[in-house]
Amino acid sequence: MAFQIRDDLNDYRAAEEGKPTGMDIREGKLTLPLIYALQQADAPTRQSIQTMIASSKPLSPEALQTIIRFVQRSPGMDDAQRQVQQYCQAALQGLHVLQEGPYKAALQALVQWLAR
């Protein structure tokens, strides 16, 4: 779950992770950052963004940029990052049952990377 949400967050970040922005939106996927952003938006903004998503297939470049900026400026990005942190914390706690060794260390490193 943490990896998926992290990937969803990267869809709204400038190509810092090597992934073009807006791919999920273009494919019609409602990701956690977008869902959180819509939940916290005022009614007119929420309606406008939902209409844009529902009625524009394919999305125009202008509509895509409007949606990306909406999510980037919303608390939805931070909320989704907090969700990543919670999943990572739970994963690290779950690793305590494993023996110390290279496999456990690799899993811990992966989870810590995801949490950054």
N, C-alpha and C. Protein backbone atom coordinates (compact mmCIF):
# COMPACT_ATOMS: atom_id res chain seq x y z
N MET A 1 0.82 -1.20 0.00
CA MET A 1 0.00 0.00 0.00
C MET A 1 0.87 1.26 0.00
N ALA A 2 1.92 1.25 0.82
CA ALA A 2 2.80 2.42 0.88
C ALA A 2 3.42 2.69 -0.49
N PHE A 3 3.87 1.63 -1.16
CA PHE A 3 4.47 1.81 -2.48
C PHE A 3 3.47 2.40 -3.46
N GLN A 4 2.23 1.92 -3.45
CA GLN A 4 1.22 2.41 -4.38
C GLN A 4 0.90 3.87 -4.13
N ILE A 5 0.74 4.24 -2.88
CA ILE A 5 0.43 5.63 -2.56
C ILE A 5 1.61 6.52 -2.93
N ARG A 6 2.81 6.04 -2.68
CA ARG A 6 4.02 6.79 -3.05
C ARG A 6 4.03 7.01 -4.57
N ASP A 7 3.70 5.98 -5.32
CA ASP A 7 3.62 6.10 -6.78
C ASP A 7 2.55 7.11 -7.17
N ASP A 8 1.42 7.09 -6.47
CA ASP A 8 0.35 8.05 -6.75
C ASP A 8 0.82 9.48 -6.48
N LEU A 9 1.55 9.68 -5.40
CA LEU A 9 2.09 11.00 -5.09
C LEU A 9 3.04 11.48 -6.19
N ASN A 10 3.86 10.57 -6.68
CA ASN A 10 4.81 10.93 -7.73
C ASN A 10 4.12 11.40 -9.00
N ASP A 11 2.88 10.99 -9.19
CA ASP A 11 2.13 11.41 -10.38
C ASP A 11 1.83 12.91 -10.36
N TYR A 12 1.95 13.53 -9.18
CA TYR A 12 1.67 14.96 -9.05
C TYR A 12 2.94 15.78 -8.84
N ARG A 13 4.06 15.11 -8.76
CA ARG A 13 5.33 15.81 -8.57
C ARG A 13 6.02 15.96 -9.90
N ALA A 14 6.71 17.07 -10.09
CA ALA A 14 7.48 17.27 -11.32
C ALA A 14 8.41 16.09 -11.49
N ALA A 15 8.72 15.75 -12.65
CA ALA A 15 9.43 14.53 -13.01
C ALA A 15 10.65 14.21 -12.14
N GLU A 16 10.60 14.54 -10.85
CA GLU A 16 11.72 14.27 -9.95
C GLU A 16 11.95 12.79 -9.74
N GLU A 17 10.96 11.98 -9.92
CA GLU A 17 11.11 10.54 -9.74
C GLU A 17 11.21 9.82 -11.09
N GLY A 18 11.32 10.57 -12.17
CA GLY A 18 11.48 9.97 -13.48
C GLY A 18 10.18 9.56 -14.14
N LYS A 19 9.06 9.91 -13.53
CA LYS A 19 7.75 9.54 -14.06
C LYS A 19 7.06 10.82 -14.54
N PRO A 20 6.51 10.82 -15.75
CA PRO A 20 5.79 12.02 -16.20
C PRO A 20 4.58 12.29 -15.30
N THR A 21 4.26 13.55 -15.09
CA THR A 21 3.12 13.90 -14.24
C THR A 21 1.80 13.67 -14.97
N GLY A 22 0.78 13.37 -14.20
CA GLY A 22 -0.57 13.27 -14.71
C GLY A 22 -0.95 11.98 -15.41
N MET A 23 -0.09 11.00 -15.41
CA MET A 23 -0.41 9.75 -16.13
C MET A 23 -1.66 9.07 -15.55
N ASP A 24 -1.77 9.02 -14.24
CA ASP A 24 -2.94 8.37 -13.63
C ASP A 24 -4.22 9.10 -13.99
N ILE A 25 -4.18 10.42 -13.96
CA ILE A 25 -5.37 11.21 -14.31
C ILE A 25 -5.76 10.96 -15.77
N ARG A 26 -4.77 10.95 -16.64
CA ARG A 26 -5.04 10.68 -18.06
C ARG A 26 -5.71 9.33 -18.26
N GLU A 27 -5.33 8.37 -17.41
CA GLU A 27 -5.89 7.01 -17.51
C GLU A 27 -7.21 6.88 -16.75
N GLY A 28 -7.70 7.97 -16.17
CA GLY A 28 -8.97 7.95 -15.46
C GLY A 28 -8.90 7.37 -14.06
N LYS A 29 -7.71 7.28 -13.50
CA LYS A 29 -7.54 6.71 -12.16
C LYS A 29 -7.70 7.80 -11.10
N LEU A 30 -8.54 7.54 -10.13
CA LEU A 30 -8.68 8.43 -8.99
C LEU A 30 -7.73 7.94 -7.90
N THR A 31 -6.69 8.68 -7.66
CA THR A 31 -5.67 8.27 -6.70
C THR A 31 -5.93 8.93 -5.34
N LEU A 32 -5.25 8.43 -4.31
CA LEU A 32 -5.48 8.93 -2.96
C LEU A 32 -5.23 10.44 -2.83
N PRO A 33 -4.15 10.98 -3.38
CA PRO A 33 -3.98 12.44 -3.26
C PRO A 33 -5.15 13.22 -3.87
N LEU A 34 -5.67 12.76 -5.00
CA LEU A 34 -6.81 13.43 -5.63
C LEU A 34 -8.07 13.26 -4.78
N ILE A 35 -8.29 12.07 -4.27
CA ILE A 35 -9.46 11.83 -3.42
C ILE A 35 -9.42 12.72 -2.19
N TYR A 36 -8.27 12.77 -1.51
CA TYR A 36 -8.13 13.64 -0.34
C TYR A 36 -8.34 15.11 -0.72
N ALA A 37 -7.79 15.53 -1.85
CA ALA A 37 -7.94 16.92 -2.28
C ALA A 37 -9.41 17.25 -2.53
N LEU A 38 -10.11 16.35 -3.19
CA LEU A 38 -11.53 16.58 -3.46
C LEU A 38 -12.35 16.62 -2.17
N GLN A 39 -12.03 15.76 -1.23
CA GLN A 39 -12.75 15.73 0.04
C GLN A 39 -12.64 17.05 0.80
N GLN A 40 -11.49 17.71 0.64
CA GLN A 40 -11.24 18.92 1.41
C GLN A 40 -11.54 20.21 0.65
N ALA A 41 -11.90 20.09 -0.60
CA ALA A 41 -12.19 21.27 -1.42
C ALA A 41 -13.58 21.81 -1.10
N ASP A 42 -13.76 23.10 -1.36
CA ASP A 42 -15.10 23.66 -1.22
C ASP A 42 -15.98 23.09 -2.33
N ALA A 43 -17.27 23.15 -2.16
CA ALA A 43 -18.22 22.51 -3.07
C ALA A 43 -18.05 22.98 -4.53
N PRO A 44 -17.94 24.28 -4.80
CA PRO A 44 -17.80 24.69 -6.21
C PRO A 44 -16.51 24.15 -6.85
N THR A 45 -15.42 24.18 -6.11
CA THR A 45 -14.15 23.68 -6.65
C THR A 45 -14.24 22.18 -6.90
N ARG A 46 -14.78 21.46 -5.92
CA ARG A 46 -14.93 20.01 -6.05
C ARG A 46 -15.76 19.68 -7.29
N GLN A 47 -16.88 20.38 -7.46
CA GLN A 47 -17.76 20.13 -8.60
C GLN A 47 -17.05 20.43 -9.92
N SER A 48 -16.30 21.51 -9.94
CA SER A 48 -15.58 21.89 -11.16
C SER A 48 -14.55 20.82 -11.54
N ILE A 49 -13.78 20.36 -10.57
CA ILE A 49 -12.74 19.35 -10.84
C ILE A 49 -13.40 18.03 -11.24
N GLN A 50 -14.45 17.64 -10.55
CA GLN A 50 -15.13 16.38 -10.88
C GLN A 50 -15.72 16.44 -12.29
N THR A 51 -16.28 17.57 -12.65
CA THR A 51 -16.84 17.73 -13.99
C THR A 51 -15.74 17.64 -15.03
N MET A 52 -14.61 18.28 -14.75
CA MET A 52 -13.48 18.25 -15.67
C MET A 52 -13.02 16.81 -15.89
N ILE A 53 -12.90 16.06 -14.80
CA ILE A 53 -12.44 14.68 -14.89
C ILE A 53 -13.45 13.82 -15.66
N ALA A 54 -14.73 14.01 -15.38
CA ALA A 54 -15.76 13.15 -15.96
C ALA A 54 -16.06 13.47 -17.43
N SER A 55 -15.94 14.74 -17.81
CA SER A 55 -16.42 15.12 -19.14
C SER A 55 -15.33 15.23 -20.20
N SER A 56 -14.11 15.26 -19.83
CA SER A 56 -13.05 15.47 -20.80
C SER A 56 -12.27 14.19 -21.04
N LYS A 57 -12.64 13.47 -22.08
CA LYS A 57 -11.91 12.25 -22.45
C LYS A 57 -11.47 12.36 -23.88
N PRO A 58 -10.23 12.48 -24.22
CA PRO A 58 -9.12 12.63 -23.29
C PRO A 58 -9.07 14.05 -22.72
N LEU A 59 -8.41 14.16 -21.58
CA LEU A 59 -8.27 15.47 -20.95
C LEU A 59 -7.42 16.39 -21.81
N SER A 60 -7.83 17.62 -21.89
CA SER A 60 -7.01 18.60 -22.59
C SER A 60 -5.78 18.88 -21.73
N PRO A 61 -4.70 19.34 -22.34
CA PRO A 61 -3.52 19.69 -21.53
C PRO A 61 -3.83 20.74 -20.46
N GLU A 62 -4.72 21.67 -20.78
CA GLU A 62 -5.09 22.71 -19.81
C GLU A 62 -5.84 22.11 -18.63
N ALA A 63 -6.78 21.22 -18.92
CA ALA A 63 -7.54 20.57 -17.84
C ALA A 63 -6.62 19.72 -16.98
N LEU A 64 -5.72 19.00 -17.61
CA LEU A 64 -4.78 18.16 -16.87
C LEU A 64 -3.94 19.01 -15.93
N GLN A 65 -3.42 20.13 -16.43
CA GLN A 65 -2.60 21.00 -15.59
C GLN A 65 -3.41 21.63 -14.46
N THR A 66 -4.66 21.95 -14.72
CA THR A 66 -5.53 22.50 -13.68
C THR A 66 -5.73 21.49 -12.56
N ILE A 67 -5.97 20.25 -12.91
CA ILE A 67 -6.17 19.20 -11.91
C ILE A 67 -4.88 18.95 -11.13
N ILE A 68 -3.77 18.88 -11.83
CA ILE A 68 -2.48 18.66 -11.15
C ILE A 68 -2.20 19.79 -10.17
N ARG A 69 -2.37 21.03 -10.60
CA ARG A 69 -2.14 22.17 -9.70
C ARG A 69 -3.09 22.14 -8.51
N PHE A 70 -4.35 21.77 -8.76
CA PHE A 70 -5.33 21.66 -7.67
C PHE A 70 -4.84 20.69 -6.61
N VAL A 71 -4.39 19.52 -7.03
CA VAL A 71 -3.93 18.51 -6.07
C VAL A 71 -2.64 18.98 -5.39
N GLN A 72 -1.71 19.53 -6.16
CA GLN A 72 -0.44 19.98 -5.59
C GLN A 72 -0.64 21.04 -4.51
N ARG A 73 -1.61 21.88 -4.68
CA ARG A 73 -1.85 22.98 -3.74
C ARG A 73 -2.75 22.58 -2.57
N SER A 74 -3.27 21.39 -2.62
CA SER A 74 -4.22 20.96 -1.60
C SER A 74 -3.51 20.25 -0.45
N PRO A 75 -4.20 20.09 0.67
CA PRO A 75 -3.65 19.28 1.76
C PRO A 75 -3.64 17.78 1.41
N GLY A 76 -4.22 17.42 0.29
CA GLY A 76 -4.28 16.01 -0.10
C GLY A 76 -2.92 15.38 -0.27
N MET A 77 -1.94 16.14 -0.73
CA MET A 77 -0.58 15.62 -0.88
C MET A 77 0.01 15.24 0.48
N ASP A 78 -0.12 16.15 1.45
CA ASP A 78 0.41 15.87 2.79
C ASP A 78 -0.36 14.73 3.46
N ASP A 79 -1.66 14.70 3.25
CA ASP A 79 -2.47 13.63 3.85
C ASP A 79 -2.08 12.27 3.29
N ALA A 80 -1.85 12.20 2.00
CA ALA A 80 -1.44 10.94 1.39
C ALA A 80 -0.04 10.54 1.87
N GLN A 81 0.86 11.52 2.02
CA GLN A 81 2.20 11.22 2.53
C GLN A 81 2.12 10.69 3.97
N ARG A 82 1.22 11.26 4.77
CA ARG A 82 1.03 10.74 6.13
C ARG A 82 0.54 9.29 6.11
N GLN A 83 -0.30 8.97 5.13
CA GLN A 83 -0.78 7.60 5.00
C GLN A 83 0.38 6.67 4.66
N VAL A 84 1.28 7.11 3.79
CA VAL A 84 2.48 6.33 3.47
C VAL A 84 3.27 6.09 4.74
N GLN A 85 3.46 7.13 5.53
CA GLN A 85 4.21 7.00 6.79
C GLN A 85 3.57 5.98 7.73
N GLN A 86 2.26 6.00 7.81
CA GLN A 86 1.56 5.05 8.69
C GLN A 86 1.76 3.61 8.22
N TYR A 87 1.64 3.39 6.93
CA TYR A 87 1.87 2.04 6.40
C TYR A 87 3.31 1.60 6.63
N CYS A 88 4.24 2.51 6.44
CA CYS A 88 5.65 2.17 6.63
C CYS A 88 5.94 1.86 8.10
N GLN A 89 5.37 2.64 8.99
CA GLN A 89 5.56 2.38 10.42
C GLN A 89 5.01 1.01 10.79
N ALA A 90 3.84 0.68 10.27
CA ALA A 90 3.26 -0.63 10.54
C ALA A 90 4.13 -1.75 9.97
N ALA A 91 4.68 -1.52 8.78
CA ALA A 91 5.54 -2.52 8.15
C ALA A 91 6.80 -2.74 8.97
N LEU A 92 7.41 -1.65 9.44
CA LEU A 92 8.62 -1.79 10.26
C LEU A 92 8.32 -2.52 11.56
N GLN A 93 7.19 -2.23 12.16
CA GLN A 93 6.81 -2.94 13.39
C GLN A 93 6.59 -4.42 13.12
N GLY A 94 6.03 -4.74 11.97
CA GLY A 94 5.79 -6.13 11.62
C GLY A 94 7.06 -6.92 11.36
N LEU A 95 8.14 -6.23 11.03
CA LEU A 95 9.39 -6.91 10.74
C LEU A 95 10.11 -7.42 11.99
N HIS A 96 9.64 -7.03 13.15
CA HIS A 96 10.34 -7.44 14.38
C HIS A 96 10.35 -8.96 14.57
N VAL A 97 9.44 -9.66 13.93
CA VAL A 97 9.38 -11.11 14.09
C VAL A 97 10.45 -11.84 13.28
N LEU A 98 11.08 -11.14 12.36
CA LEU A 98 12.09 -11.77 11.52
C LEU A 98 13.45 -11.78 12.22
N GLN A 99 14.24 -12.79 11.90
CA GLN A 99 15.61 -12.86 12.40
C GLN A 99 16.42 -11.72 11.81
N GLU A 100 17.40 -11.25 12.57
CA GLU A 100 18.34 -10.27 12.03
C GLU A 100 19.13 -10.93 10.90
N GLY A 101 19.37 -10.19 9.88
CA GLY A 101 20.13 -10.72 8.77
C GLY A 101 19.94 -9.86 7.54
N PRO A 102 20.52 -10.27 6.43
CA PRO A 102 20.48 -9.43 5.23
C PRO A 102 19.08 -9.24 4.65
N TYR A 103 18.20 -10.24 4.79
CA TYR A 103 16.86 -10.11 4.22
C TYR A 103 16.03 -9.11 5.02
N LYS A 104 16.13 -9.22 6.33
CA LYS A 104 15.42 -8.27 7.18
C LYS A 104 15.96 -6.85 6.95
N ALA A 105 17.28 -6.73 6.86
CA ALA A 105 17.90 -5.42 6.63
C ALA A 105 17.44 -4.84 5.29
N ALA A 106 17.33 -5.68 4.27
CA ALA A 106 16.88 -5.21 2.96
C ALA A 106 15.43 -4.72 3.02
N LEU A 107 14.59 -5.46 3.72
CA LEU A 107 13.19 -5.04 3.87
C LEU A 107 13.09 -3.73 4.65
N GLN A 108 13.88 -3.62 5.70
CA GLN A 108 13.87 -2.37 6.49
C GLN A 108 14.33 -1.20 5.62
N ALA A 109 15.36 -1.41 4.82
CA ALA A 109 15.85 -0.35 3.94
C ALA A 109 14.79 0.06 2.92
N LEU A 110 14.10 -0.92 2.38
CA LEU A 110 13.04 -0.62 1.40
C LEU A 110 11.94 0.21 2.05
N VAL A 111 11.51 -0.19 3.22
CA VAL A 111 10.44 0.54 3.91
C VAL A 111 10.90 1.95 4.26
N GLN A 112 12.13 2.10 4.70
CA GLN A 112 12.65 3.43 5.03
C GLN A 112 12.75 4.29 3.78
N TRP A 113 13.09 3.69 2.65
CA TRP A 113 13.15 4.44 1.40
C TRP A 113 11.74 4.92 1.03
N LEU A 114 10.76 4.05 1.17
CA LEU A 114 9.39 4.44 0.85
C LEU A 114 8.90 5.56 1.74
N ALA A 115 9.32 5.56 2.99
CA ALA A 115 8.84 6.54 3.96
C ALA A 115 9.44 7.93 3.76
N ARG A 116 10.48 8.04 2.96
CA ARG A 116 11.14 9.35 2.82
C ARG A 116 10.29 10.33 2.05
